[in-house]
Structures are given as structure tokens and as C-alpha cells.
Amino acid sequence: MPRYWFRQKTFGYGATPNTWQGWLLTIASALLTIGIIVAAEFMRDDATRLMLIAVGLPLVLIPTVLITHAKTEGGWRWRAGNND
């Protein structure tokens, strides 16, 4: 049985980190996202800046969401806080 990195949120949609691997993925994704945005600020050409953001952010965020979804016990669905 695989060990899940994330657990279902009590309220809302999605997951929250449950293990050190989940926290590592979350922090690494946040740092990479911030790094892309900061790097874009140093680009002189607006087209290069836009290209960096348009290509870089999906390359970080899409795998993060897919891994998080795969490593969440019970999947994702809307929860209102009751025990359903």
C-alpha cells in the first residue's frame, strides 16, 4: 500500500501536505514559482519576460498538481467540514 503525501482538506477542494515529501514538493514548487517570477523581472525585453512566465509556470505547476492529486489519499472533492 503506497504512503500518501497529502491528505484531504476538511473544508473546500484539494489537499494539504501530510508528510515531509508533501511539504518538500509544496515548498519546492513555491520556490520555483517565485524564482520564475523574480527572473522575469530581470528580463529587459517584454516578450522574453512573457515567454518565461508563459512557459515556466506551467512547467512547474502542472506536474505539481498532477503529483499532488496522485499522492492524495481519497482523491479531491468539495468538502464542507462534515464527516462525509
PDB file of N, CA and C in Angstrom:
ATOM      1  N   MET A   1       0.848  -1.185   0.000  1.00  0.00           N
ATOM      2  CA  MET A   1       0.000   0.000   0.000  1.00  0.00           C
ATOM      3  C   MET A   1       0.890   1.243   0.000  1.00  0.00           C
ATOM      4  N   PRO A   2       0.658   2.147  -0.952  1.00  0.00           N
ATOM      5  CA  PRO A   2       1.515   3.332  -1.015  1.00  0.00           C
ATOM      6  C   PRO A   2       1.235   4.299   0.134  1.00  0.00           C
ATOM      7  N   ARG A   3       2.255   5.030   0.500  1.00  0.00           N
ATOM      8  CA  ARG A   3       2.094   6.060   1.530  1.00  0.00           C
ATOM      9  C   ARG A   3       1.735   7.364   0.834  1.00  0.00           C
ATOM     10  N   TYR A   4       0.652   7.965   1.248  1.00  0.00           N
ATOM     11  CA  TYR A   4       0.189   9.198   0.628  1.00  0.00           C
ATOM     12  C   TYR A   4       0.897  10.396   1.239  1.00  0.00           C
ATOM     13  N   TRP A   5       1.246  11.359   0.386  1.00  0.00           N
ATOM     14  CA  TRP A   5       1.965  12.550   0.828  1.00  0.00           C
ATOM     15  C   TRP A   5       1.026  13.653   1.271  1.00  0.00           C
ATOM     16  N   PHE A   6      -0.230  13.583   0.819  1.00  0.00           N
ATOM     17  CA  PHE A   6      -1.202  14.631   1.102  1.00  0.00           C
ATOM     18  C   PHE A   6      -2.464  14.003   1.677  1.00  0.00           C
ATOM     19  N   ARG A   7      -3.202  14.795   2.450  1.00  0.00           N
ATOM     20  CA  ARG A   7      -4.489  14.349   2.973  1.00  0.00           C
ATOM     21  C   ARG A   7      -5.567  15.292   2.455  1.00  0.00           C
ATOM     22  N   GLN A   8      -6.784  14.799   2.488  1.00  0.00           N
ATOM     23  CA  GLN A   8      -7.902  15.602   2.021  1.00  0.00           C
ATOM     24  C   GLN A   8      -8.108  16.798   2.936  1.00  0.00           C
ATOM     25  N   LYS A   9      -8.471  17.914   2.334  1.00  0.00           N
ATOM     26  CA  LYS A   9      -8.795  19.083   3.143  1.00  0.00           C
ATOM     27  C   LYS A   9     -10.133  18.875   3.826  1.00  0.00           C
ATOM     28  N   THR A  10     -10.283  19.454   5.003  1.00  0.00           N
ATOM     29  CA  THR A  10     -11.544  19.361   5.729  1.00  0.00           C
ATOM     30  C   THR A  10     -12.591  20.282   5.121  1.00  0.00           C
ATOM     31  N   PHE A  11     -12.166  21.454   4.685  1.00  0.00           N
ATOM     32  CA  PHE A  11     -13.057  22.428   4.064  1.00  0.00           C
ATOM     33  C   PHE A  11     -12.531  22.764   2.682  1.00  0.00           C
ATOM     34  N   GLY A  12     -13.412  22.794   1.701  1.00  0.00           N
ATOM     35  CA  GLY A  12     -13.008  23.204   0.364  1.00  0.00           C
ATOM     36  C   GLY A  12     -12.582  22.039  -0.505  1.00  0.00           C
ATOM     37  N   TYR A  13     -11.759  22.357  -1.500  1.00  0.00           N
ATOM     38  CA  TYR A  13     -11.364  21.408  -2.531  1.00  0.00           C
ATOM     39  C   TYR A  13      -9.855  21.256  -2.519  1.00  0.00           C
ATOM     40  N   GLY A  14      -9.354  20.043  -2.638  1.00  0.00           N
ATOM     41  CA  GLY A  14      -7.923  19.852  -2.750  1.00  0.00           C
ATOM     42  C   GLY A  14      -7.326  19.079  -1.597  1.00  0.00           C
ATOM     43  N   ALA A  15      -6.028  19.321  -1.358  1.00  0.00           N
ATOM     44  CA  ALA A  15      -5.288  18.555  -0.376  1.00  0.00           C
ATOM     45  C   ALA A  15      -4.298  19.445   0.361  1.00  0.00           C
ATOM     46  N   THR A  16      -3.799  18.916   1.471  1.00  0.00           N
ATOM     47  CA  THR A  16      -2.798  19.614   2.259  1.00  0.00           C
ATOM     48  C   THR A  16      -1.662  18.639   2.573  1.00  0.00           C
ATOM     49  N   PRO A  17      -0.424  19.100   2.652  1.00  0.00           N
ATOM     50  CA  PRO A  17       0.696  18.190   2.902  1.00  0.00           C
ATOM     51  C   PRO A  17       0.526  17.419   4.215  1.00  0.00           C
ATOM     52  N   ASN A  18       0.912  16.138   4.152  1.00  0.00           N
ATOM     53  CA  ASN A  18       0.760  15.268   5.299  1.00  0.00           C
ATOM     54  C   ASN A  18       2.086  14.652   5.735  1.00  0.00           C
ATOM     55  N   THR A  19       3.068  14.614   4.841  1.00  0.00           N
ATOM     56  CA  THR A  19       4.378  14.024   5.136  1.00  0.00           C
ATOM     57  C   THR A  19       5.468  15.002   4.715  1.00  0.00           C
ATOM     58  N   TRP A  20       6.715  14.663   5.029  1.00  0.00           N
ATOM     59  CA  TRP A  20       7.817  15.545   4.644  1.00  0.00           C
ATOM     60  C   TRP A  20       7.941  15.616   3.120  1.00  0.00           C
ATOM     61  N   GLN A  21       7.572  14.536   2.410  1.00  0.00           N
ATOM     62  CA  GLN A  21       7.631  14.572   0.949  1.00  0.00           C
ATOM     63  C   GLN A  21       6.613  15.565   0.385  1.00  0.00           C
ATOM     64  N   GLY A  22       5.431  15.594   0.982  1.00  0.00           N
ATOM     65  CA  GLY A  22       4.417  16.557   0.555  1.00  0.00           C
ATOM     66  C   GLY A  22       4.846  17.988   0.810  1.00  0.00           C
ATOM     67  N   TRP A  23       5.450  18.216   1.993  1.00  0.00           N
ATOM     68  CA  TRP A  23       5.946  19.557   2.301  1.00  0.00           C
ATOM     69  C   TRP A  23       7.090  19.940   1.369  1.00  0.00           C
ATOM     70  N   LEU A  24       7.968  18.989   1.062  1.00  0.00           N
ATOM     71  CA  LEU A  24       9.080  19.262   0.156  1.00  0.00           C
ATOM     72  C   LEU A  24       8.568  19.646  -1.228  1.00  0.00           C
ATOM     73  N   LEU A  25       7.596  18.907  -1.740  1.00  0.00           N
ATOM     74  CA  LEU A  25       7.013  19.233  -3.041  1.00  0.00           C
ATOM     75  C   LEU A  25       6.367  20.612  -3.014  1.00  0.00           C
ATOM     76  N   THR A  26       5.628  20.914  -1.958  1.00  0.00           N
ATOM     77  CA  THR A  26       4.944  22.202  -1.844  1.00  0.00           C
ATOM     78  C   THR A  26       5.940  23.356  -1.787  1.00  0.00           C
ATOM     79  N   ILE A  27       6.962  23.223  -0.959  1.00  0.00           N
ATOM     80  CA  ILE A  27       7.959  24.295  -0.812  1.00  0.00           C
ATOM     81  C   ILE A  27       8.786  24.449  -2.080  1.00  0.00           C
ATOM     82  N   ALA A  28       9.186  23.333  -2.691  1.00  0.00           N
ATOM     83  CA  ALA A  28       9.971  23.405  -3.930  1.00  0.00           C
ATOM     84  C   ALA A  28       9.167  24.071  -5.044  1.00  0.00           C
ATOM     85  N   SER A  29       7.900  23.738  -5.158  1.00  0.00           N
ATOM     86  CA  SER A  29       7.052  24.350  -6.184  1.00  0.00           C
ATOM     87  C   SER A  29       6.886  25.846  -5.940  1.00  0.00           C
ATOM     88  N   ALA A  30       6.703  26.219  -4.683  1.00  0.00           N
ATOM     89  CA  ALA A  30       6.559  27.638  -4.356  1.00  0.00           C
ATOM     90  C   ALA A  30       7.848  28.395  -4.675  1.00  0.00           C
ATOM     91  N   LEU A  31       8.994  27.818  -4.307  1.00  0.00           N
ATOM     92  CA  LEU A  31      10.278  28.479  -4.586  1.00  0.00           C
ATOM     93  C   LEU A  31      10.549  28.590  -6.084  1.00  0.00           C
ATOM     94  N   LEU A  32      10.246  27.542  -6.836  1.00  0.00           N
ATOM     95  CA  LEU A  32      10.430  27.603  -8.289  1.00  0.00           C
ATOM     96  C   LEU A  32       9.515  28.653  -8.920  1.00  0.00           C
ATOM     97  N   THR A  33       8.275  28.726  -8.448  1.00  0.00           N
ATOM     98  CA  THR A  33       7.341  29.730  -8.960  1.00  0.00           C
ATOM     99  C   THR A  33       7.846  31.140  -8.666  1.00  0.00           C
ATOM    100  N   ILE A  34       8.289  31.367  -7.446  1.00  0.00           N
ATOM    101  CA  ILE A  34       8.845  32.675  -7.077  1.00  0.00           C
ATOM    102  C   ILE A  34      10.091  32.968  -7.897  1.00  0.00           C
ATOM    103  N   GLY A  35      10.943  31.961  -8.089  1.00  0.00           N
ATOM    104  CA  GLY A  35      12.155  32.141  -8.892  1.00  0.00           C
ATOM    105  C   GLY A  35      11.857  32.547 -10.318  1.00  0.00           C
ATOM    106  N   ILE A  36      10.844  31.940 -10.919  1.00  0.00           N
ATOM    107  CA  ILE A  36      10.466  32.292 -12.295  1.00  0.00           C
ATOM    108  C   ILE A  36       9.969  33.731 -12.355  1.00  0.00           C
ATOM    109  N   ILE A  37       9.172  34.124 -11.391  1.00  0.00           N
ATOM    110  CA  ILE A  37       8.631  35.488 -11.386  1.00  0.00           C
ATOM    111  C   ILE A  37       9.747  36.508 -11.161  1.00  0.00           C
ATOM    112  N   VAL A  38      10.660  36.211 -10.245  1.00  0.00           N
ATOM    113  CA  VAL A  38      11.782  37.124  -9.990  1.00  0.00           C
ATOM    114  C   VAL A  38      12.696  37.199 -11.217  1.00  0.00           C
ATOM    115  N   ALA A  39      12.969  36.051 -11.833  1.00  0.00           N
ATOM    116  CA  ALA A  39      13.811  36.047 -13.035  1.00  0.00           C
ATOM    117  C   ALA A  39      13.170  36.861 -14.154  1.00  0.00           C
ATOM    118  N   ALA A  40      11.850  36.782 -14.253  1.00  0.00           N
ATOM    119  CA  ALA A  40      11.154  37.550 -15.293  1.00  0.00           C
ATOM    120  C   ALA A  40      11.309  39.051 -15.077  1.00  0.00           C
ATOM    121  N   GLU A  41      11.415  39.465 -13.833  1.00  0.00           N
ATOM    122  CA  GLU A  41      11.600  40.890 -13.543  1.00  0.00           C
ATOM    123  C   GLU A  41      12.933  41.414 -14.074  1.00  0.00           C
ATOM    124  N   PHE A  42      13.931  40.538 -14.206  1.00  0.00           N
ATOM    125  CA  PHE A  42      15.240  40.962 -14.679  1.00  0.00           C
ATOM    126  C   PHE A  42      15.371  40.925 -16.200  1.00  0.00           C
ATOM    127  N   MET A  43      14.353  40.439 -16.891  1.00  0.00           N
ATOM    128  CA  MET A  43      14.388  40.412 -18.352  1.00  0.00           C
ATOM    129  C   MET A  43      14.099  41.812 -18.889  1.00  0.00           C
ATOM    130  N   ARG A  44      14.918  42.228 -19.839  1.00  0.00           N
ATOM    131  CA  ARG A  44      14.747  43.575 -20.384  1.00  0.00           C
ATOM    132  C   ARG A  44      13.642  43.642 -21.426  1.00  0.00           C
ATOM    133  N   ASP A  45      13.501  42.573 -22.177  1.00  0.00           N
ATOM    134  CA  ASP A  45      12.522  42.537 -23.255  1.00  0.00           C
ATOM    135  C   ASP A  45      11.193  41.999 -22.725  1.00  0.00           C
ATOM    136  N   ASP A  46      10.106  42.695 -23.009  1.00  0.00           N
ATOM    137  CA  ASP A  46       8.791  42.260 -22.537  1.00  0.00           C
ATOM    138  C   ASP A  46       8.387  40.916 -23.125  1.00  0.00           C
ATOM    139  N   ALA A  47       8.746  40.650 -24.369  1.00  0.00           N
ATOM    140  CA  ALA A  47       8.402  39.375 -24.998  1.00  0.00           C
ATOM    141  C   ALA A  47       9.127  38.218 -24.312  1.00  0.00           C
ATOM    142  N   THR A  48      10.381  38.419 -23.951  1.00  0.00           N
ATOM    143  CA  THR A  48      11.140  37.387 -23.241  1.00  0.00           C
ATOM    144  C   THR A  48      10.555  37.153 -21.865  1.00  0.00           C
ATOM    145  N   ARG A  49      10.163  38.213 -21.203  1.00  0.00           N
ATOM    146  CA  ARG A  49       9.546  38.122 -19.875  1.00  0.00           C
ATOM    147  C   ARG A  49       8.237  37.326 -19.948  1.00  0.00           C
ATOM    148  N   LEU A  50       7.418  37.654 -20.926  1.00  0.00           N
ATOM    149  CA  LEU A  50       6.148  36.954 -21.096  1.00  0.00           C
ATOM    150  C   LEU A  50       6.372  35.483 -21.435  1.00  0.00           C
ATOM    151  N   MET A  51       7.358  35.198 -22.288  1.00  0.00           N
ATOM    152  CA  MET A  51       7.646  33.821 -22.670  1.00  0.00           C
ATOM    153  C   MET A  51       8.131  33.016 -21.464  1.00  0.00           C
ATOM    154  N   LEU A  52       8.969  33.598 -20.633  1.00  0.00           N
ATOM    155  CA  LEU A  52       9.463  32.917 -19.442  1.00  0.00           C
ATOM    156  C   LEU A  52       8.310  32.549 -18.516  1.00  0.00           C
ATOM    157  N   ILE A  53       7.404  33.468 -18.313  1.00  0.00           N
ATOM    158  CA  ILE A  53       6.263  33.206 -17.441  1.00  0.00           C
ATOM    159  C   ILE A  53       5.295  32.215 -18.088  1.00  0.00           C
ATOM    160  N   ALA A  54       5.015  32.392 -19.378  1.00  0.00           N
ATOM    161  CA  ALA A  54       4.049  31.536 -20.073  1.00  0.00           C
ATOM    162  C   ALA A  54       4.531  30.094 -20.192  1.00  0.00           C
ATOM    163  N   VAL A  55       5.833  29.883 -20.267  1.00  0.00           N
ATOM    164  CA  VAL A  55       6.379  28.528 -20.386  1.00  0.00           C
ATOM    165  C   VAL A  55       6.791  27.991 -19.015  1.00  0.00           C
ATOM    166  N   GLY A  56       7.415  28.811 -18.199  1.00  0.00           N
ATOM    167  CA  GLY A  56       7.962  28.354 -16.924  1.00  0.00           C
ATOM    168  C   GLY A  56       6.919  27.969 -15.892  1.00  0.00           C
ATOM    169  N   LEU A  57       5.899  28.787 -15.731  1.00  0.00           N
ATOM    170  CA  LEU A  57       4.896  28.483 -14.706  1.00  0.00           C
ATOM    171  C   LEU A  57       4.143  27.182 -14.970  1.00  0.00           C
ATOM    172  N   PRO A  58       3.669  26.931 -16.189  1.00  0.00           N
ATOM    173  CA  PRO A  58       3.024  25.626 -16.419  1.00  0.00           C
ATOM    174  C   PRO A  58       3.972  24.442 -16.220  1.00  0.00           C
ATOM    175  N   LEU A  59       5.263  24.617 -16.532  1.00  0.00           N
ATOM    176  CA  LEU A  59       6.222  23.532 -16.332  1.00  0.00           C
ATOM    177  C   LEU A  59       6.418  23.198 -14.857  1.00  0.00           C
ATOM    178  N   VAL A  60       6.124  24.133 -13.992  1.00  0.00           N
ATOM    179  CA  VAL A  60       6.213  23.888 -12.545  1.00  0.00           C
ATOM    180  C   VAL A  60       4.853  23.465 -11.994  1.00  0.00           C
ATOM    181  N   LEU A  61       3.811  24.181 -12.344  1.00  0.00           N
ATOM    182  CA  LEU A  61       2.519  23.986 -11.699  1.00  0.00           C
ATOM    183  C   LEU A  61       1.772  22.735 -12.157  1.00  0.00           C
ATOM    184  N   ILE A  62       1.836  22.393 -13.428  1.00  0.00           N
ATOM    185  CA  ILE A  62       1.111  21.210 -13.917  1.00  0.00           C
ATOM    186  C   ILE A  62       1.640  19.925 -13.268  1.00  0.00           C
ATOM    187  N   PRO A  63       2.960  19.682 -13.273  1.00  0.00           N
ATOM    188  CA  PRO A  63       3.429  18.477 -12.576  1.00  0.00           C
ATOM    189  C   PRO A  63       3.119  18.486 -11.077  1.00  0.00           C
ATOM    190  N   THR A  64       3.171  19.650 -10.463  1.00  0.00           N
ATOM    191  CA  THR A  64       2.858  19.743  -9.034  1.00  0.00           C
ATOM    192  C   THR A  64       1.425  19.313  -8.766  1.00  0.00           C
ATOM    193  N   VAL A  65       0.497  19.800  -9.552  1.00  0.00           N
ATOM    194  CA  VAL A  65      -0.908  19.439  -9.370  1.00  0.00           C
ATOM    195  C   VAL A  65      -1.123  17.954  -9.644  1.00  0.00           C
ATOM    196  N   LEU A  66      -0.511  17.427 -10.693  1.00  0.00           N
ATOM    197  CA  LEU A  66      -0.674  16.005 -11.019  1.00  0.00           C
ATOM    198  C   LEU A  66      -0.099  15.098  -9.936  1.00  0.00           C
ATOM    199  N   ILE A  67       1.076  15.428  -9.431  1.00  0.00           N
ATOM    200  CA  ILE A  67       1.687  14.633  -8.360  1.00  0.00           C
ATOM    201  C   ILE A  67       0.845  14.734  -7.091  1.00  0.00           C
ATOM    202  N   THR A  68       0.410  15.935  -6.757  1.00  0.00           N
ATOM    203  CA  THR A  68      -0.411  16.126  -5.562  1.00  0.00           C
ATOM    204  C   THR A  68      -1.700  15.317  -5.652  1.00  0.00           C
ATOM    205  N   HIS A  69      -2.342  15.358  -6.805  1.00  0.00           N
ATOM    206  CA  HIS A  69      -3.586  14.599  -6.981  1.00  0.00           C
ATOM    207  C   HIS A  69      -3.327  13.099  -6.859  1.00  0.00           C
ATOM    208  N   ALA A  70      -2.246  12.617  -7.451  1.00  0.00           N
ATOM    209  CA  ALA A  70      -1.930  11.183  -7.401  1.00  0.00           C
ATOM    210  C   ALA A  70      -1.535  10.722  -6.000  1.00  0.00           C
ATOM    211  N   LYS A  71      -0.955  11.616  -5.218  1.00  0.00           N
ATOM    212  CA  LYS A  71      -0.460  11.245  -3.892  1.00  0.00           C
ATOM    213  C   LYS A  71      -1.397  11.666  -2.762  1.00  0.00           C
ATOM    214  N   THR A  72      -2.665  11.952  -3.088  1.00  0.00           N
ATOM    215  CA  THR A  72      -3.650  12.311  -2.077  1.00  0.00           C
ATOM    216  C   THR A  72      -4.546  11.113  -1.795  1.00  0.00           C
ATOM    217  N   GLU A  73      -4.636  10.747  -0.535  1.00  0.00           N
ATOM    218  CA  GLU A  73      -5.485   9.633  -0.143  1.00  0.00           C
ATOM    219  C   GLU A  73      -6.949  10.024  -0.281  1.00  0.00           C
ATOM    220  N   GLY A  74      -7.696   9.263  -1.043  1.00  0.00           N
ATOM    221  CA  GLY A  74      -9.129   9.518  -1.193  1.00  0.00           C
ATOM    222  C   GLY A  74      -9.489  10.493  -2.290  1.00  0.00           C
ATOM    223  N   GLY A  75      -8.528  11.079  -2.970  1.00  0.00           N
ATOM    224  CA  GLY A  75      -8.818  11.994  -4.075  1.00  0.00           C
ATOM    225  C   GLY A  75      -9.300  13.358  -3.626  1.00  0.00           C
ATOM    226  N   TRP A  76      -9.675  14.150  -4.597  1.00  0.00           N
ATOM    227  CA  TRP A  76     -10.132  15.510  -4.342  1.00  0.00           C
ATOM    228  C   TRP A  76     -11.627  15.610  -4.617  1.00  0.00           C
ATOM    229  N   ARG A  77     -12.307  16.289  -3.743  1.00  0.00           N
ATOM    230  CA  ARG A  77     -13.698  16.681  -3.969  1.00  0.00           C
ATOM    231  C   ARG A  77     -14.034  17.770  -2.970  1.00  0.00           C
ATOM    232  N   TRP A  78     -15.118  18.458  -3.213  1.00  0.00           N
ATOM    233  CA  TRP A  78     -15.539  19.536  -2.322  1.00  0.00           C
ATOM    234  C   TRP A  78     -15.961  18.948  -0.984  1.00  0.00           C
ATOM    235  N   ARG A  79     -15.483  19.556   0.091  1.00  0.00           N
ATOM    236  CA  ARG A  79     -15.858  19.123   1.440  1.00  0.00           C
ATOM    237  C   ARG A  79     -16.330  20.329   2.235  1.00  0.00           C
ATOM    238  N   ALA A  80     -17.387  20.114   3.006  1.00  0.00           N
ATOM    239  CA  ALA A  80     -17.973  21.197   3.786  1.00  0.00           C
ATOM    240  C   ALA A  80     -17.647  21.081   5.272  1.00  0.00           C
ATOM    241  N   GLY A  81     -16.751  20.183   5.629  1.00  0.00           N
ATOM    242  CA  GLY A  81     -16.331  20.079   7.009  1.00  0.00           C
ATOM    243  C   GLY A  81     -17.028  18.988   7.796  1.00  0.00           C
ATOM    244  N   ASN A  82     -18.109  18.442   7.278  1.00  0.00           N
ATOM    245  CA  ASN A  82     -18.760  17.350   7.990  1.00  0.00           C
ATOM    246  C   ASN A  82     -18.075  16.035   7.615  1.00  0.00           C
ATOM    247  N   ASN A  83     -18.379  15.000   8.312  1.00  0.00           N
ATOM    248  CA  ASN A  83     -17.701  13.706   8.111  1.00  0.00           C
ATOM    249  C   ASN A  83     -18.340  12.913   6.982  1.00  0.00           C
ATOM    250  N   ASP A  84     -18.263  13.411   5.774  1.00  0.00           N
ATOM    251  CA  ASP A  84     -18.836  12.670   4.650  1.00  0.00           C
ATOM    252  C   ASP A  84     -17.773  12.091   3.778  1.00  0.00           C
TER     253      ASP A  84
END
